[in-house]
Amino acid sequence: MRLPLDDERRGLLVEAVQQLFSDEFERDLSPFQAERLLDFFLEQIGPPVYNQAVQDARAFILTKLEDLDGEVYEPELPPEV
């Protein structure tokens, strides 16, 4: 699964990768190198992180649905005779 990034976000992430390598490893990366590294991590880490986020959201929604009656229940008045 390829996680799509718009051009602006991709550009910002490439710059962030370049900055990280410069700051942490004292190594300059070309935009091509940084983009290739970004693609590698998106391919390797993107799907598991995405899937975990989907599962977390699903669990959250199911928890809220299970408690729906407790959240919004209104007691009914007995019918008047």
N, C-alpha and C. Protein backbone atom coordinates (compact mmCIF):
# COMPACT_ATOMS: atom_id res chain seq x y z
N MET A 1 0.86 -1.18 0.00
CA MET A 1 0.00 0.00 0.00
C MET A 1 0.90 1.23 0.00
N ARG A 2 0.65 2.09 -0.92
CA ARG A 2 1.41 3.34 -0.98
C ARG A 2 0.57 4.43 -0.35
N LEU A 3 1.13 5.10 0.63
CA LEU A 3 0.41 6.19 1.28
C LEU A 3 0.62 7.46 0.47
N PRO A 4 -0.45 8.00 -0.08
CA PRO A 4 -0.29 9.18 -0.92
C PRO A 4 -0.01 10.44 -0.08
N LEU A 5 0.93 11.22 -0.57
CA LEU A 5 1.25 12.51 0.05
C LEU A 5 1.13 13.57 -1.02
N ASP A 6 0.54 14.70 -0.66
CA ASP A 6 0.51 15.78 -1.64
C ASP A 6 1.91 16.39 -1.75
N ASP A 7 2.12 17.12 -2.81
CA ASP A 7 3.46 17.65 -3.10
C ASP A 7 3.99 18.53 -1.98
N GLU A 8 3.13 19.33 -1.39
CA GLU A 8 3.59 20.22 -0.31
C GLU A 8 4.05 19.43 0.91
N ARG A 9 3.25 18.43 1.32
CA ARG A 9 3.62 17.62 2.49
C ARG A 9 4.89 16.83 2.20
N ARG A 10 5.00 16.25 0.99
CA ARG A 10 6.19 15.49 0.62
C ARG A 10 7.42 16.39 0.69
N GLY A 11 7.32 17.60 0.18
CA GLY A 11 8.43 18.53 0.22
C GLY A 11 8.86 18.87 1.63
N LEU A 12 7.88 19.09 2.51
CA LEU A 12 8.20 19.39 3.91
C LEU A 12 8.86 18.20 4.60
N LEU A 13 8.40 16.99 4.28
CA LEU A 13 9.00 15.81 4.89
C LEU A 13 10.41 15.55 4.37
N VAL A 14 10.63 15.79 3.10
CA VAL A 14 11.98 15.65 2.54
C VAL A 14 12.92 16.62 3.24
N GLU A 15 12.49 17.86 3.43
CA GLU A 15 13.31 18.84 4.14
C GLU A 15 13.56 18.40 5.58
N ALA A 16 12.55 17.81 6.22
CA ALA A 16 12.71 17.35 7.60
C ALA A 16 13.73 16.21 7.67
N VAL A 17 13.71 15.31 6.70
CA VAL A 17 14.69 14.22 6.66
C VAL A 17 16.09 14.80 6.47
N GLN A 18 16.22 15.75 5.57
CA GLN A 18 17.52 16.38 5.35
C GLN A 18 18.02 17.06 6.62
N GLN A 19 17.14 17.75 7.31
CA GLN A 19 17.51 18.45 8.54
C GLN A 19 17.91 17.45 9.62
N LEU A 20 17.17 16.36 9.75
CA LEU A 20 17.50 15.33 10.74
C LEU A 20 18.90 14.77 10.50
N PHE A 21 19.20 14.43 9.25
CA PHE A 21 20.52 13.87 8.96
C PHE A 21 21.62 14.89 9.18
N SER A 22 21.34 16.13 8.89
CA SER A 22 22.33 17.17 9.12
C SER A 22 22.59 17.36 10.62
N ASP A 23 21.51 17.45 11.40
CA ASP A 23 21.63 17.69 12.84
C ASP A 23 22.18 16.49 13.60
N GLU A 24 21.64 15.31 13.32
CA GLU A 24 21.96 14.13 14.11
C GLU A 24 23.20 13.38 13.64
N PHE A 25 23.44 13.39 12.34
CA PHE A 25 24.52 12.56 11.79
C PHE A 25 25.60 13.37 11.07
N GLU A 26 25.42 14.69 11.08
CA GLU A 26 26.37 15.59 10.41
C GLU A 26 26.63 15.12 8.98
N ARG A 27 25.56 14.81 8.30
CA ARG A 27 25.64 14.34 6.92
C ARG A 27 24.60 15.07 6.09
N ASP A 28 25.01 15.57 4.97
CA ASP A 28 24.08 16.25 4.07
C ASP A 28 23.52 15.24 3.07
N LEU A 29 22.20 15.25 2.93
CA LEU A 29 21.53 14.41 1.95
C LEU A 29 21.00 15.29 0.82
N SER A 30 21.11 14.79 -0.38
CA SER A 30 20.49 15.50 -1.50
C SER A 30 18.98 15.30 -1.40
N PRO A 31 18.21 16.16 -2.08
CA PRO A 31 16.76 15.95 -2.09
C PRO A 31 16.40 14.54 -2.59
N PHE A 32 17.12 14.04 -3.58
CA PHE A 32 16.85 12.69 -4.10
C PHE A 32 17.07 11.64 -3.02
N GLN A 33 18.18 11.74 -2.29
CA GLN A 33 18.47 10.78 -1.22
C GLN A 33 17.41 10.85 -0.12
N ALA A 34 17.05 12.06 0.27
CA ALA A 34 16.06 12.24 1.33
C ALA A 34 14.70 11.69 0.88
N GLU A 35 14.34 11.92 -0.38
CA GLU A 35 13.06 11.42 -0.88
C GLU A 35 13.07 9.89 -0.93
N ARG A 36 14.17 9.30 -1.32
CA ARG A 36 14.26 7.84 -1.36
C ARG A 36 14.15 7.26 0.04
N LEU A 37 14.79 7.91 1.02
CA LEU A 37 14.69 7.47 2.40
C LEU A 37 13.26 7.60 2.91
N LEU A 38 12.62 8.71 2.59
CA LEU A 38 11.23 8.91 2.97
C LEU A 38 10.35 7.81 2.37
N ASP A 39 10.54 7.50 1.10
CA ASP A 39 9.76 6.45 0.45
C ASP A 39 9.97 5.10 1.13
N PHE A 40 11.22 4.81 1.49
CA PHE A 40 11.53 3.56 2.18
C PHE A 40 10.73 3.44 3.47
N PHE A 41 10.78 4.51 4.29
CA PHE A 41 10.08 4.46 5.56
C PHE A 41 8.56 4.43 5.38
N LEU A 42 8.05 5.13 4.40
CA LEU A 42 6.62 5.07 4.14
C LEU A 42 6.19 3.66 3.74
N GLU A 43 7.01 2.99 2.94
CA GLU A 43 6.70 1.63 2.52
C GLU A 43 6.79 0.65 3.68
N GLN A 44 7.79 0.82 4.53
CA GLN A 44 8.04 -0.13 5.62
C GLN A 44 7.20 0.14 6.86
N ILE A 45 7.04 1.39 7.20
CA ILE A 45 6.38 1.75 8.46
C ILE A 45 4.94 2.22 8.23
N GLY A 46 4.68 2.81 7.08
CA GLY A 46 3.37 3.39 6.81
C GLY A 46 2.21 2.43 7.01
N PRO A 47 2.21 1.27 6.34
CA PRO A 47 1.06 0.37 6.48
C PRO A 47 0.79 -0.11 7.91
N PRO A 48 1.82 -0.55 8.67
CA PRO A 48 1.50 -0.97 10.04
C PRO A 48 0.97 0.17 10.90
N VAL A 49 1.52 1.36 10.74
CA VAL A 49 1.05 2.50 11.53
C VAL A 49 -0.39 2.85 11.12
N TYR A 50 -0.64 2.86 9.82
CA TYR A 50 -1.99 3.14 9.31
C TYR A 50 -2.98 2.11 9.85
N ASN A 51 -2.62 0.82 9.75
CA ASN A 51 -3.52 -0.23 10.22
C ASN A 51 -3.78 -0.12 11.72
N GLN A 52 -2.74 0.21 12.49
CA GLN A 52 -2.94 0.37 13.93
C GLN A 52 -3.87 1.55 14.22
N ALA A 53 -3.72 2.64 13.47
CA ALA A 53 -4.61 3.79 13.67
C ALA A 53 -6.05 3.43 13.36
N VAL A 54 -6.26 2.64 12.30
CA VAL A 54 -7.62 2.21 11.95
C VAL A 54 -8.19 1.34 13.08
N GLN A 55 -7.39 0.41 13.59
CA GLN A 55 -7.85 -0.45 14.68
C GLN A 55 -8.14 0.35 15.95
N ASP A 56 -7.30 1.33 16.25
CA ASP A 56 -7.54 2.18 17.42
C ASP A 56 -8.83 2.97 17.27
N ALA A 57 -9.07 3.52 16.09
CA ALA A 57 -10.30 4.28 15.83
C ALA A 57 -11.50 3.36 15.93
N ARG A 58 -11.38 2.16 15.38
CA ARG A 58 -12.49 1.19 15.44
C ARG A 58 -12.82 0.84 16.89
N ALA A 59 -11.80 0.55 17.69
CA ALA A 59 -12.01 0.22 19.10
C ALA A 59 -12.66 1.38 19.84
N PHE A 60 -12.24 2.58 19.56
CA PHE A 60 -12.81 3.77 20.21
C PHE A 60 -14.29 3.90 19.85
N ILE A 61 -14.60 3.76 18.57
CA ILE A 61 -15.99 3.90 18.12
C ILE A 61 -16.85 2.78 18.70
N LEU A 62 -16.35 1.55 18.72
CA LEU A 62 -17.12 0.45 19.29
C LEU A 62 -17.39 0.66 20.77
N THR A 63 -16.40 1.18 21.50
CA THR A 63 -16.61 1.47 22.91
C THR A 63 -17.73 2.49 23.10
N LYS A 64 -17.72 3.53 22.26
CA LYS A 64 -18.77 4.54 22.35
C LYS A 64 -20.12 3.97 21.97
N LEU A 65 -20.16 3.11 20.96
CA LEU A 65 -21.43 2.50 20.55
C LEU A 65 -21.98 1.58 21.62
N GLU A 66 -21.10 0.83 22.30
CA GLU A 66 -21.55 -0.06 23.36
C GLU A 66 -22.18 0.71 24.50
N ASP A 67 -21.75 1.91 24.73
CA ASP A 67 -22.28 2.71 25.83
C ASP A 67 -23.31 3.73 25.34
N LEU A 68 -23.80 3.55 24.13
CA LEU A 68 -24.73 4.51 23.56
C LEU A 68 -25.99 4.66 24.40
N ASP A 69 -26.55 3.55 24.86
CA ASP A 69 -27.76 3.64 25.69
C ASP A 69 -27.49 4.41 26.97
N GLY A 70 -26.35 4.16 27.60
CA GLY A 70 -26.02 4.87 28.83
C GLY A 70 -25.79 6.36 28.61
N GLU A 71 -25.32 6.70 27.43
CA GLU A 71 -25.03 8.10 27.12
C GLU A 71 -26.28 8.90 26.77
N VAL A 72 -27.20 8.29 26.06
CA VAL A 72 -28.32 9.07 25.53
C VAL A 72 -29.69 8.55 25.95
N TYR A 73 -29.75 7.55 26.82
CA TYR A 73 -31.02 6.98 27.23
C TYR A 73 -31.86 7.99 27.99
N GLU A 74 -33.10 8.06 27.64
CA GLU A 74 -34.07 8.89 28.35
C GLU A 74 -35.14 7.97 28.92
N PRO A 75 -35.34 8.03 30.21
CA PRO A 75 -36.37 7.16 30.80
C PRO A 75 -37.76 7.55 30.24
N GLU A 76 -38.54 6.55 30.02
CA GLU A 76 -39.89 6.79 29.52
C GLU A 76 -40.86 6.85 30.70
N LEU A 77 -41.81 7.74 30.58
CA LEU A 77 -42.86 7.83 31.60
C LEU A 77 -43.86 6.72 31.37
N PRO A 78 -44.38 6.16 32.44
CA PRO A 78 -45.39 5.12 32.24
C PRO A 78 -46.63 5.76 31.61
N PRO A 79 -47.35 4.98 30.78
CA PRO A 79 -48.55 5.55 30.16
C PRO A 79 -49.57 5.92 31.23
N GLU A 80 -50.21 7.03 31.02
CA GLU A 80 -51.25 7.45 31.97
C GLU A 80 -52.53 6.70 31.69
N VAL A 81 -53.14 6.27 32.76
CA VAL A 81 -54.39 5.49 32.60
C VAL A 81 -55.56 6.35 32.88
